[in-house]
C-alpha atoms as a PDB file:
ATOM      1  CA  MET A   1      -1.837  17.140  -1.971  1.00  0.00           C
ATOM      2  CA  THR A   2      -0.386  16.958  -5.482  1.00  0.00           C
ATOM      3  CA  PHE A   3       1.710  20.020  -6.300  1.00  0.00           C
ATOM      4  CA  THR A   4       2.262  19.150  -9.939  1.00  0.00           C
ATOM      5  CA  PRO A   5       1.217  16.122 -12.007  1.00  0.00           C
ATOM      6  CA  ARG A   6       3.690  13.277 -11.703  1.00  0.00           C
ATOM      7  CA  ALA A   7       5.207  11.934 -14.881  1.00  0.00           C
ATOM      8  CA  ALA A   8       3.962   8.481 -15.832  1.00  0.00           C
ATOM      9  CA  TRP A   9       6.204   5.429 -15.487  1.00  0.00           C
ATOM     10  CA  ALA A  10       5.645   4.722 -19.197  1.00  0.00           C
ATOM     11  CA  ASP A  11       7.163   8.123 -19.971  1.00  0.00           C
ATOM     12  CA  THR A  12      10.381   7.230 -18.162  1.00  0.00           C
ATOM     13  CA  PRO A  13      13.129   6.688 -20.755  1.00  0.00           C
ATOM     14  CA  GLU A  14      13.239   3.090 -21.933  1.00  0.00           C
ATOM     15  CA  PRO A  15      16.912   2.601 -20.899  1.00  0.00           C
ATOM     16  CA  VAL A  16      15.957   3.543 -17.316  1.00  0.00           C
ATOM     17  CA  ARG A  17      13.047   1.080 -17.252  1.00  0.00           C
ATOM     18  CA  THR A  18      15.238  -1.639 -18.723  1.00  0.00           C
ATOM     19  CA  ALA A  19      17.961  -0.953 -16.165  1.00  0.00           C
ATOM     20  CA  VAL A  20      15.429  -1.198 -13.321  1.00  0.00           C
ATOM     21  CA  ALA A  21      14.167  -4.569 -14.586  1.00  0.00           C
ATOM     22  CA  ARG A  22      17.727  -5.836 -14.960  1.00  0.00           C
ATOM     23  CA  ALA A  23      18.632  -4.699 -11.446  1.00  0.00           C
ATOM     24  CA  LEU A  24      15.529  -6.393 -10.033  1.00  0.00           C
ATOM     25  CA  GLY A  25      16.297  -9.626 -11.875  1.00  0.00           C
ATOM     26  CA  ALA A  26      12.934  -9.987 -13.603  1.00  0.00           C
ATOM     27  CA  PRO A  27      10.998  -8.373 -16.474  1.00  0.00           C
ATOM     28  CA  ILE A  28       8.327  -5.820 -15.611  1.00  0.00           C
ATOM     29  CA  ALA A  29       4.958  -7.415 -16.391  1.00  0.00           C
ATOM     30  CA  GLY A  30       2.817  -4.407 -15.556  1.00  0.00           C
ATOM     31  CA  HIS A  31       2.609  -1.251 -13.487  1.00  0.00           C
ATOM     32  CA  THR A  32       0.229   1.113 -11.719  1.00  0.00           C
ATOM     33  CA  ASP A  33       1.069   4.805 -11.660  1.00  0.00           C
ATOM     34  CA  LEU A  34       0.844   6.417  -8.220  1.00  0.00           C
ATOM     35  CA  HIS A  35       0.012  10.041  -7.552  1.00  0.00           C
ATOM     36  CA  GLY A  36       0.522  12.650  -4.853  1.00  0.00           C
ATOM     37  CA  GLY A  37       3.593  13.775  -2.992  1.00  0.00           C
ATOM     38  CA  MET A  38       6.132  16.477  -3.694  1.00  0.00           C
ATOM     39  CA  SER A  39       8.077  15.102  -6.646  1.00  0.00           C
ATOM     40  CA  PRO A  40       7.344  15.637 -10.337  1.00  0.00           C
ATOM     41  CA  GLY A  41       8.974  12.295 -11.155  1.00  0.00           C
ATOM     42  CA  PRO A  42       7.088   9.049 -11.725  1.00  0.00           C
ATOM     43  CA  ALA A  43       6.125   6.741  -8.877  1.00  0.00           C
ATOM     44  CA  ALA A  44       4.636   3.337  -9.573  1.00  0.00           C
ATOM     45  CA  GLY A  45       3.855  -0.076  -8.281  1.00  0.00           C
ATOM     46  CA  LEU A  46       5.568  -2.609 -10.558  1.00  0.00           C
ATOM     47  CA  ARG A  47       4.387  -6.173 -11.127  1.00  0.00           C
ATOM     48  CA  LEU A  48       7.332  -8.371 -12.002  1.00  0.00           C
ATOM     49  CA  ALA A  49       7.207 -11.488 -14.132  1.00  0.00           C
ATOM     50  CA  ASP A  50       8.304 -13.613 -11.163  1.00  0.00           C
ATOM     51  CA  GLY A  51       5.231 -12.525  -9.175  1.00  0.00           C
ATOM     52  CA  ARG A  52       6.811  -9.872  -6.984  1.00  0.00           C
ATOM     53  CA  GLN A  53       5.307  -6.433  -6.462  1.00  0.00           C
ATOM     54  CA  VAL A  54       7.721  -3.570  -5.819  1.00  0.00           C
ATOM     55  CA  PHE A  55       7.634   0.202  -5.580  1.00  0.00           C
ATOM     56  CA  VAL A  56       9.743   2.454  -7.786  1.00  0.00           C
ATOM     57  CA  LYS A  57      10.259   6.176  -7.992  1.00  0.00           C
ATOM     58  CA  ALA A  58      12.405   8.115 -10.413  1.00  0.00           C
ATOM     59  CA  VAL A  59      13.211  11.646 -11.482  1.00  0.00           C
ATOM     60  CA  SER A  60      15.466  13.489 -13.875  1.00  0.00           C
ATOM     61  CA  ALA A  61      17.864  16.091 -12.537  1.00  0.00           C
ATOM     62  CA  ASP A  62      16.846  18.147 -15.548  1.00  0.00           C
ATOM     63  CA  THR A  63      13.355  18.382 -14.026  1.00  0.00           C
ATOM     64  CA  ARG A  64      14.303  19.025 -10.390  1.00  0.00           C
ATOM     65  CA  VAL A  65      17.789  18.599  -8.966  1.00  0.00           C
ATOM     66  CA  HIS A  66      16.491  18.524  -5.377  1.00  0.00           C
ATOM     67  CA  ASN A  67      14.349  15.425  -5.897  1.00  0.00           C
ATOM     68  CA  HIS A  68      17.188  13.694  -7.735  1.00  0.00           C
ATOM     69  CA  ALA A  69      19.467  14.288  -4.741  1.00  0.00           C
ATOM     70  CA  MET A  70      16.769  13.128  -2.313  1.00  0.00           C
ATOM     71  CA  ILE A  71      16.402   9.751  -4.035  1.00  0.00           C
ATOM     72  CA  ARG A  72      20.149   9.175  -3.810  1.00  0.00           C
ATOM     73  CA  GLN A  73      20.131  10.309  -0.174  1.00  0.00           C
ATOM     74  CA  GLU A  74      17.206   8.067   0.741  1.00  0.00           C
ATOM     75  CA  ALA A  75      18.823   5.080  -0.955  1.00  0.00           C
ATOM     76  CA  ALA A  76      21.890   5.466   1.253  1.00  0.00           C
ATOM     77  CA  ILE A  77      19.737   5.841   4.374  1.00  0.00           C
ATOM     78  CA  LEU A  78      17.571   2.786   3.675  1.00  0.00           C
ATOM     79  CA  ASP A  79      20.727   0.691   3.427  1.00  0.00           C
ATOM     80  CA  ILE A  80      21.769   1.500   7.008  1.00  0.00           C
ATOM     81  CA  LEU A  81      18.407   1.267   8.775  1.00  0.00           C
ATOM     82  CA  PRO A  82      18.069  -1.672  11.176  1.00  0.00           C
ATOM     83  CA  ALA A  83      15.829  -4.449   9.861  1.00  0.00           C
ATOM     84  CA  THR A  84      13.358  -3.906  12.712  1.00  0.00           C
ATOM     85  CA  VAL A  85      12.552  -0.317  11.638  1.00  0.00           C
ATOM     86  CA  PRO A  86       9.099  -0.086   9.955  1.00  0.00           C
ATOM     87  CA  ALA A  87      10.483   1.050   6.599  1.00  0.00           C
ATOM     88  CA  PRO A  88      10.682  -0.332   3.054  1.00  0.00           C
ATOM     89  CA  ARG A  89      13.884  -2.081   2.014  1.00  0.00           C
ATOM     90  CA  ARG A  90      15.902  -0.853  -0.938  1.00  0.00           C
ATOM     91  CA  LEU A  91      16.106  -3.380  -3.751  1.00  0.00           C
ATOM     92  CA  ALA A  92      17.940  -1.458  -6.456  1.00  0.00           C
ATOM     93  CA  THR A  93      19.098   1.982  -7.543  1.00  0.00           C
ATOM     94  CA  VAL A  94      19.982   2.800 -11.134  1.00  0.00           C
ATOM     95  CA  GLU A  95      21.281   5.950 -12.774  1.00  0.00           C
ATOM     96  CA  HIS A  96      21.199   6.700 -16.479  1.00  0.00           C
ATOM     97  CA  GLY A  97      22.155  10.123 -17.764  1.00  0.00           C
ATOM     98  CA  PRO A  98      20.269  12.709 -15.677  1.00  0.00           C
ATOM     99  CA  TRP A  99      17.847  10.063 -14.381  1.00  0.00           C
ATOM    100  CA  ILE A 100      17.892   8.174 -11.088  1.00  0.00           C
ATOM    101  CA  ALA A 101      15.440   5.458 -10.070  1.00  0.00           C
ATOM    102  CA  MET A 102      15.098   3.532  -6.824  1.00  0.00           C
ATOM    103  CA  ALA A 103      13.087   0.364  -6.260  1.00  0.00           C
ATOM    104  CA  THR A 104      12.014  -0.779  -2.803  1.00  0.00           C
ATOM    105  CA  THR A 105       9.906  -3.495  -1.280  1.00  0.00           C
ATOM    106  CA  TRP A 106       6.182  -2.884  -1.537  1.00  0.00           C
ATOM    107  CA  ALA A 107       4.629  -1.460   1.639  1.00  0.00           C
ATOM    108  CA  PRO A 108       1.254  -3.110   2.314  1.00  0.00           C
ATOM    109  CA  GLY A 109      -1.614  -0.845   3.241  1.00  0.00           C
ATOM    110  CA  THR A 110      -3.079   2.398   2.014  1.00  0.00           C
ATOM    111  CA  THR A 111      -2.623   6.127   2.449  1.00  0.00           C
ATOM    112  CA  GLY A 112      -5.903   7.871   3.180  1.00  0.00           C
ATOM    113  CA  GLY A 113      -6.901  11.429   2.391  1.00  0.00           C
ATOM    114  CA  ALA A 114      -7.361  12.301   6.072  1.00  0.00           C
ATOM    115  CA  TRP A 115      -6.358  10.862   9.416  1.00  0.00           C
ATOM    116  CA  THR A 116      -8.545   8.424  11.328  1.00  0.00           C
ATOM    117  CA  ASP A 117      -8.170   7.219  14.894  1.00  0.00           C
ATOM    118  CA  THR A 118      -6.990   3.881  13.485  1.00  0.00           C
ATOM    119  CA  SER A 119      -4.288   5.396  11.279  1.00  0.00           C
ATOM    120  CA  ILE A 120      -3.133   7.713  14.085  1.00  0.00           C
ATOM    121  CA  ALA A 121      -2.678   4.744  16.421  1.00  0.00           C
ATOM    122  CA  ALA A 122      -0.826   2.685  13.791  1.00  0.00           C
ATOM    123  CA  VAL A 123       1.522   5.481  12.730  1.00  0.00           C
ATOM    124  CA  ALA A 124       2.174   6.524  16.339  1.00  0.00           C
ATOM    125  CA  GLU A 125       3.264   2.977  17.134  1.00  0.00           C
ATOM    126  CA  ALA A 126       5.508   2.926  14.044  1.00  0.00           C
ATOM    127  CA  CYS A 127       7.096   6.185  15.201  1.00  0.00           C
ATOM    128  CA  ARG A 128       7.688   4.762  18.653  1.00  0.00           C
ATOM    129  CA  THR A 129       9.210   1.604  17.173  1.00  0.00           C
ATOM    130  CA  ALA A 130      11.589   3.638  15.004  1.00  0.00           C
ATOM    131  CA  SER A 131      12.624   5.935  17.850  1.00  0.00           C
ATOM    132  CA  ARG A 132      13.583   2.993  20.076  1.00  0.00           C
ATOM    133  CA  HIS A 133      16.520   2.474  17.732  1.00  0.00           C
ATOM    134  CA  ARG A 134      19.716   4.423  18.094  1.00  0.00           C
ATOM    135  CA  ALA A 135      20.342   6.382  14.908  1.00  0.00           C
ATOM    136  CA  PRO A 136      23.061   4.881  12.688  1.00  0.00           C
ATOM    137  CA  LYS A 137      26.295   6.845  13.068  1.00  0.00           C
ATOM    138  CA  ALA A 138      26.196   7.987   9.441  1.00  0.00           C
ATOM    139  CA  LEU A 139      23.051  10.045  10.048  1.00  0.00           C
ATOM    140  CA  PRO A 140      23.478  13.754  10.848  1.00  0.00           C
ATOM    141  CA  PRO A 141      22.000  15.559  13.870  1.00  0.00           C
ATOM    142  CA  VAL A 142      18.378  16.490  13.378  1.00  0.00           C
ATOM    143  CA  ALA A 143      19.170  20.218  13.522  1.00  0.00           C
ATOM    144  CA  SER A 144      20.629  19.850  10.016  1.00  0.00           C
ATOM    145  CA  ARG A 145      17.258  18.518   8.807  1.00  0.00           C
ATOM    146  CA  ILE A 146      15.152  21.302  10.376  1.00  0.00           C
ATOM    147  CA  PHE A 147      14.618  24.401   8.286  1.00  0.00           C
ATOM    148  CA  TYR A 148      13.265  27.898   8.956  1.00  0.00           C
ATOM    149  CA  PHE A 149      12.635  27.147  12.643  1.00  0.00           C
ATOM    150  CA  ASP A 150      13.458  30.766  13.451  1.00  0.00           C
ATOM    151  CA  GLY A 151      10.543  31.867  11.315  1.00  0.00           C
ATOM    152  CA  TRP A 152       8.627  33.468  14.169  1.00  0.00           C
ATOM    153  CA  ASN A 153      11.530  35.884  14.699  1.00  0.00           C
ATOM    154  CA  SER A 154      11.384  37.085  11.088  1.00  0.00           C
ATOM    155  CA  LEU A 155       7.624  37.235  10.695  1.00  0.00           C
ATOM    156  CA  PRO A 156       7.001  40.677  12.299  1.00  0.00           C
ATOM    157  CA  LYS A 157       9.291  42.258   9.697  1.00  0.00           C
ATOM    158  CA  LEU A 158       7.032  41.202   6.843  1.00  0.00           C
ATOM    159  CA  ASP A 159       4.257  43.399   5.510  1.00  0.00           C
ATOM    160  CA  THR A 160       2.234  40.258   4.814  1.00  0.00           C
ATOM    161  CA  SER A 161       1.714  39.420   8.507  1.00  0.00           C
ATOM    162  CA  ASP A 162      -1.882  39.585   9.707  1.00  0.00           C
ATOM    163  CA  ASP A 163      -3.106  40.492  13.192  1.00  0.00           C
ATOM    164  CA  TRP A 164      -2.975  36.894  14.476  1.00  0.00           C
ATOM    165  CA  GLU A 165       0.617  36.471  13.346  1.00  0.00           C
ATOM    166  CA  LYS A 166       1.674  39.813  14.780  1.00  0.00           C
ATOM    167  CA  SER A 167       0.176  39.045  18.181  1.00  0.00           C
ATOM    168  CA  HIS A 168       1.537  35.492  18.357  1.00  0.00           C
ATOM    169  CA  ALA A 169       4.974  35.879  16.767  1.00  0.00           C
ATOM    170  CA  GLY A 170       6.719  37.161  19.910  1.00  0.00           C
ATOM    171  CA  PRO A 171       5.411  34.506  22.333  1.00  0.00           C
ATOM    172  CA  ALA A 172       5.911  31.799  19.715  1.00  0.00           C
ATOM    173  CA  ALA A 173       9.527  32.848  19.139  1.00  0.00           C
ATOM    174  CA  GLU A 174      10.183  32.600  22.884  1.00  0.00           C
ATOM    175  CA  VAL A 175       8.683  29.099  22.962  1.00  0.00           C
ATOM    176  CA  VAL A 176      10.862  27.884  20.083  1.00  0.00           C
ATOM    177  CA  ALA A 177      14.101  29.567  21.219  1.00  0.00           C
ATOM    178  CA  GLY A 178      17.048  27.209  21.587  1.00  0.00           C
ATOM    179  CA  TRP A 179      15.512  24.526  19.365  1.00  0.00           C
ATOM    180  CA  GLU A 180      18.921  23.280  18.219  1.00  0.00           C
ATOM    181  CA  ARG A 181      19.603  22.221  21.809  1.00  0.00           C
ATOM    182  CA  TRP A 182      16.309  20.662  22.852  1.00  0.00           C
ATOM    183  CA  THR A 183      15.765  18.694  19.627  1.00  0.00           C
ATOM    184  CA  ALA A 184      19.141  16.958  19.967  1.00  0.00           C
ATOM    185  CA  GLY A 185      19.445  13.272  20.787  1.00  0.00           C
ATOM    186  CA  ASP A 186      20.644   9.918  19.475  1.00  0.00           C
ATOM    187  CA  ALA A 187      17.300   8.323  18.591  1.00  0.00           C
ATOM    188  CA  LEU A 188      16.432   7.437  14.999  1.00  0.00           C
ATOM    189  CA  VAL A 189      14.196  10.197  13.656  1.00  0.00           C
ATOM    190  CA  HIS A 190      12.269  10.000  10.365  1.00  0.00           C
ATOM    191  CA  ARG A 191      11.710  13.806  10.423  1.00  0.00           C
ATOM    192  CA  ASP A 192       9.085  13.950   7.681  1.00  0.00           C
ATOM    193  CA  ILE A 193       6.006  12.332   9.171  1.00  0.00           C
ATOM    194  CA  ARG A 194       2.962  13.175   7.066  1.00  0.00           C
ATOM    195  CA  LEU A 195      -0.049  11.054   6.190  1.00  0.00           C
ATOM    196  CA  ASP A 196       1.165  10.741   2.589  1.00  0.00           C
ATOM    197  CA  ASN A 197       4.459   9.325   3.886  1.00  0.00           C
ATOM    198  CA  THR A 198       2.761   6.317   5.458  1.00  0.00           C
ATOM    199  CA  ALA A 199       1.155   3.042   4.389  1.00  0.00           C
ATOM    200  CA  VAL A 200      -1.379   1.796   6.929  1.00  0.00           C
ATOM    201  CA  SER A 201      -2.932  -1.645   7.330  1.00  0.00           C
ATOM    202  CA  ASP A 202      -3.117  -3.308  10.760  1.00  0.00           C
ATOM    203  CA  THR A 203       0.272  -1.700  11.309  1.00  0.00           C
ATOM    204  CA  ALA A 204       2.054   1.162   9.547  1.00  0.00           C
ATOM    205  CA  VAL A 205       5.136   1.474   7.385  1.00  0.00           C
ATOM    206  CA  LEU A 206       6.907   4.838   7.305  1.00  0.00           C
ATOM    207  CA  LEU A 207       7.886   5.943   3.793  1.00  0.00           C
ATOM    208  CA  ASP A 208      10.299   8.491   2.305  1.00  0.00           C
ATOM    209  CA  TRP A 209      13.302   8.387   4.652  1.00  0.00           C
ATOM    210  CA  ALA A 210      15.439  11.026   2.921  1.00  0.00           C
ATOM    211  CA  TYR A 211      15.448  13.332   5.979  1.00  0.00           C
ATOM    212  CA  ALA A 212      16.255  10.709   8.621  1.00  0.00           C
ATOM    213  CA  ALA A 213      18.528  11.943  11.395  1.00  0.00           C
ATOM    214  CA  ALA A 214      19.603  11.525  15.007  1.00  0.00           C
ATOM    215  CA  GLY A 215      17.473  13.464  17.454  1.00  0.00           C
ATOM    216  CA  ALA A 216      15.099  13.497  20.392  1.00  0.00           C
ATOM    217  CA  PRO A 217      12.871  10.388  20.445  1.00  0.00           C
ATOM    218  CA  TRP A 218       9.606  12.382  20.530  1.00  0.00           C
ATOM    219  CA  ILE A 219      10.200  14.359  17.316  1.00  0.00           C
ATOM    220  CA  ASP A 220       8.268  12.088  14.943  1.00  0.00           C
ATOM    221  CA  LEU A 221       5.305  11.927  17.331  1.00  0.00           C
ATOM    222  CA  ALA A 222       5.293  15.725  17.556  1.00  0.00           C
ATOM    223  CA  GLN A 223       5.354  15.947  13.776  1.00  0.00           C
ATOM    224  CA  LEU A 224       2.505  13.436  13.675  1.00  0.00           C
ATOM    225  CA  ALA A 225       0.462  15.653  16.011  1.00  0.00           C
ATOM    226  CA  ALA A 226       1.048  18.654  13.744  1.00  0.00           C
ATOM    227  CA  ASP A 227       0.091  16.704  10.636  1.00  0.00           C
ATOM    228  CA  ILE A 228      -3.138  15.418  12.173  1.00  0.00           C
ATOM    229  CA  VAL A 229      -4.262  19.045  12.339  1.00  0.00           C
ATOM    230  CA  ALA A 230      -2.619  20.261   9.127  1.00  0.00           C
ATOM    231  CA  THR A 231      -3.827  17.369   6.950  1.00  0.00           C
ATOM    232  CA  GLY A 232      -7.105  16.885   8.802  1.00  0.00           C
ATOM    233  CA  HIS A 233      -9.156  14.169  10.496  1.00  0.00           C
ATOM    234  CA  THR A 234     -12.136  12.429   8.930  1.00  0.00           C
ATOM    235  CA  LEU A 235     -14.289  13.679  11.838  1.00  0.00           C
ATOM    236  CA  GLY A 236     -13.364  17.324  11.237  1.00  0.00           C
ATOM    237  CA  PRO A 237     -11.118  20.079  12.660  1.00  0.00           C
ATOM    238  CA  GLU A 238     -12.336  19.759  16.260  1.00  0.00           C
ATOM    239  CA  ALA A 239     -11.450  16.058  16.315  1.00  0.00           C
ATOM    240  CA  ALA A 240      -8.074  16.769  14.685  1.00  0.00           C
ATOM    241  CA  ASN A 241      -7.152  19.339  17.312  1.00  0.00           C
ATOM    242  CA  ASP A 242      -8.376  17.066  20.100  1.00  0.00           C
ATOM    243  CA  ARG A 243      -6.344  14.065  18.916  1.00  0.00           C
ATOM    244  CA  ALA A 244      -3.238  16.175  18.379  1.00  0.00           C
ATOM    245  CA  TYR A 245      -3.455  17.799  21.803  1.00  0.00           C
ATOM    246  CA  ARG A 246      -4.068  14.473  23.534  1.00  0.00           C
ATOM    247  CA  LEU A 247      -1.012  12.994  21.795  1.00  0.00           C
ATOM    248  CA  LEU A 248       1.165  15.947  22.786  1.00  0.00           C
ATOM    249  CA  LYS A 249       0.043  15.624  26.415  1.00  0.00           C
ATOM    250  CA  THR A 250       1.701  12.177  26.485  1.00  0.00           C
ATOM    251  CA  LEU A 251       5.044  13.637  25.335  1.00  0.00           C
ATOM    252  CA  PRO A 252       7.685  15.872  26.900  1.00  0.00           C
ATOM    253  CA  THR A 253       6.934  19.608  26.843  1.00  0.00           C
ATOM    254  CA  ASP A 254       9.520  20.113  24.108  1.00  0.00           C
ATOM    255  CA  ALA A 255       7.233  18.246  21.694  1.00  0.00           C
ATOM    256  CA  SER A 256       4.675  21.048  21.998  1.00  0.00           C
ATOM    257  CA  ARG A 257       7.423  23.592  21.371  1.00  0.00           C
ATOM    258  CA  PHE A 258       8.314  21.669  18.226  1.00  0.00           C
ATOM    259  CA  VAL A 259       4.765  21.971  16.878  1.00  0.00           C
ATOM    260  CA  VAL A 260       4.902  25.737  17.433  1.00  0.00           C
ATOM    261  CA  GLY A 261       8.171  25.766  15.495  1.00  0.00           C
ATOM    262  CA  LEU A 262       6.626  23.839  12.606  1.00  0.00           C
ATOM    263  CA  ALA A 263       3.813  26.380  12.373  1.00  0.00           C
ATOM    264  CA  GLY A 264       6.368  29.185  12.192  1.00  0.00           C
ATOM    265  CA  MET A 265       8.324  27.275   9.551  1.00  0.00           C
ATOM    266  CA  TRP A 266       5.284  26.847   7.299  1.00  0.00           C
ATOM    267  CA  THR A 267       4.231  30.465   7.841  1.00  0.00           C
ATOM    268  CA  ILE A 268       7.575  32.035   6.956  1.00  0.00           C
ATOM    269  CA  ARG A 269       8.191  29.718   4.003  1.00  0.00           C
ATOM    270  CA  ALA A 270       4.740  30.474   2.582  1.00  0.00           C
ATOM    271  CA  ALA A 271       5.531  34.174   2.826  1.00  0.00           C
ATOM    272  CA  THR A 272       9.100  34.165   1.518  1.00  0.00           C
ATOM    273  CA  VAL A 273       9.721  31.118  -0.715  1.00  0.00           C
ATOM    274  CA  ALA A 274       8.232  31.563  -4.171  1.00  0.00           C
ATOM    275  CA  ASP A 275       6.340  28.913  -6.107  1.00  0.00           C
ATOM    276  CA  THR A 276       8.116  27.368  -9.077  1.00  0.00           C
ATOM    277  CA  PRO A 277       6.805  25.826 -12.312  1.00  0.00           C
ATOM    278  CA  VAL A 278       7.488  22.386 -10.830  1.00  0.00           C
ATOM    279  CA  MET A 279       5.863  23.255  -7.470  1.00  0.00           C
ATOM    280  CA  PRO A 280       3.220  25.849  -8.423  1.00  0.00           C
ATOM    281  CA  ARG A 281       1.036  25.482  -5.330  1.00  0.00           C
ATOM    282  CA  ILE A 282       3.520  24.840  -2.549  1.00  0.00           C
ATOM    283  CA  SER A 283       3.014  28.268  -0.932  1.00  0.00           C
ATOM    284  CA  ALA A 284      -0.743  27.716  -0.700  1.00  0.00           C
ATOM    285  CA  TRP A 285      -0.148  24.291   0.858  1.00  0.00           C
ATOM    286  CA  ARG A 286       2.203  25.724   3.487  1.00  0.00           C
ATOM    287  CA  ARG A 287      -0.161  28.615   4.204  1.00  0.00           C
ATOM    288  CA  ALA A 288      -3.109  26.257   4.660  1.00  0.00           C
ATOM    289  CA  ARG A 289      -1.147  24.104   7.107  1.00  0.00           C
ATOM    290  CA  ALA A 290      -0.066  27.116   9.140  1.00  0.00           C
ATOM    291  CA  HIS A 291      -3.630  28.444   9.292  1.00  0.00           C
ATOM    292  CA  ALA A 292      -5.017  25.064  10.344  1.00  0.00           C
ATOM    293  CA  LEU A 293      -2.527  24.939  13.227  1.00  0.00           C
ATOM    294  CA  ARG A 294      -3.457  28.345  14.665  1.00  0.00           C
ATOM    295  CA  PRO A 295      -5.970  27.110  17.289  1.00  0.00           C
ATOM    296  CA  LEU A 296      -3.534  24.445  18.488  1.00  0.00           C
ATOM    297  CA  VAL A 297      -0.600  26.871  18.520  1.00  0.00           C
ATOM    298  CA  SER A 298      -2.586  29.371  20.591  1.00  0.00           C
ATOM    299  CA  ARG A 299      -3.478  26.633  23.076  1.00  0.00           C
ATOM    300  CA  LEU A 300       0.094  25.359  23.262  1.00  0.00           C
ATOM    301  CA  ILE A 301       1.568  28.838  23.807  1.00  0.00           C
ATOM    302  CA  THR A 302      -0.888  29.406  26.651  1.00  0.00           C
ATOM    303  CA  HIS A 303      -0.028  26.056  28.167  1.00  0.00           C
ATOM    304  CA  LEU A 304       3.711  26.540  27.788  1.00  0.00           C
ATOM    305  CA  GLY A 305       3.546  30.022  29.232  1.00  0.00           C
END
């Protein structure tokens, strides 16, 4: 989902574009603007005069400080990931005034509008490959990358809660209790697995590593299960719920608890975090994801109980 139109690469200040070309060691011969995601800054595939294709994303702190900080954070993380992790490699980072831009290797493949059985299998294997690595010591514990996981506790206090939320909030809060403890671990965790953060061909590359952390090795697969339902499957909601549940059945019980926590996170953030001019539809996106997960959450709570 696109929350706000991305700026075009051609609208990036000329000194920034020149600095990127200089850092990459070749003139930019052409580009293709890319769309989607949660940043208002430009994202593009660049064609360099020496024949290389690279990916670049940029943003001005004057537009959104958060995204500016995330590019700098991701750049540092990409530099410490083991070479065998299915991730792009950072090629260059430049800063000019309020602008920051990062170029990475091009990830082959595509990002579809909905999950398929093929993309689920490829991304699941990429998640497993990443989690077999011990997280670099510079990465923080995953609890510092998990937000609003106590949402089910706060939900009953809101006048906006509907009957489903009121009846499920208590059991869901019990399921998620102690999440800081049972999400802990030393495995490399991407922590932001969504379909639009992947590039899928015969295999998958995981994109956007700004939230990488050390945690339990099943976390990315649990987040994958949630996103299959929240983003949707090409065969419809029944297939999405089936694939997600089957994936969770292969994982430790805590993975199911994590999905319940994600649903509470999206629900409470939709109810309490206001839209902004830069992100004018983020609440609707979170609300839609939480609603889509309701059948799975009900099933998981019953199973966990």
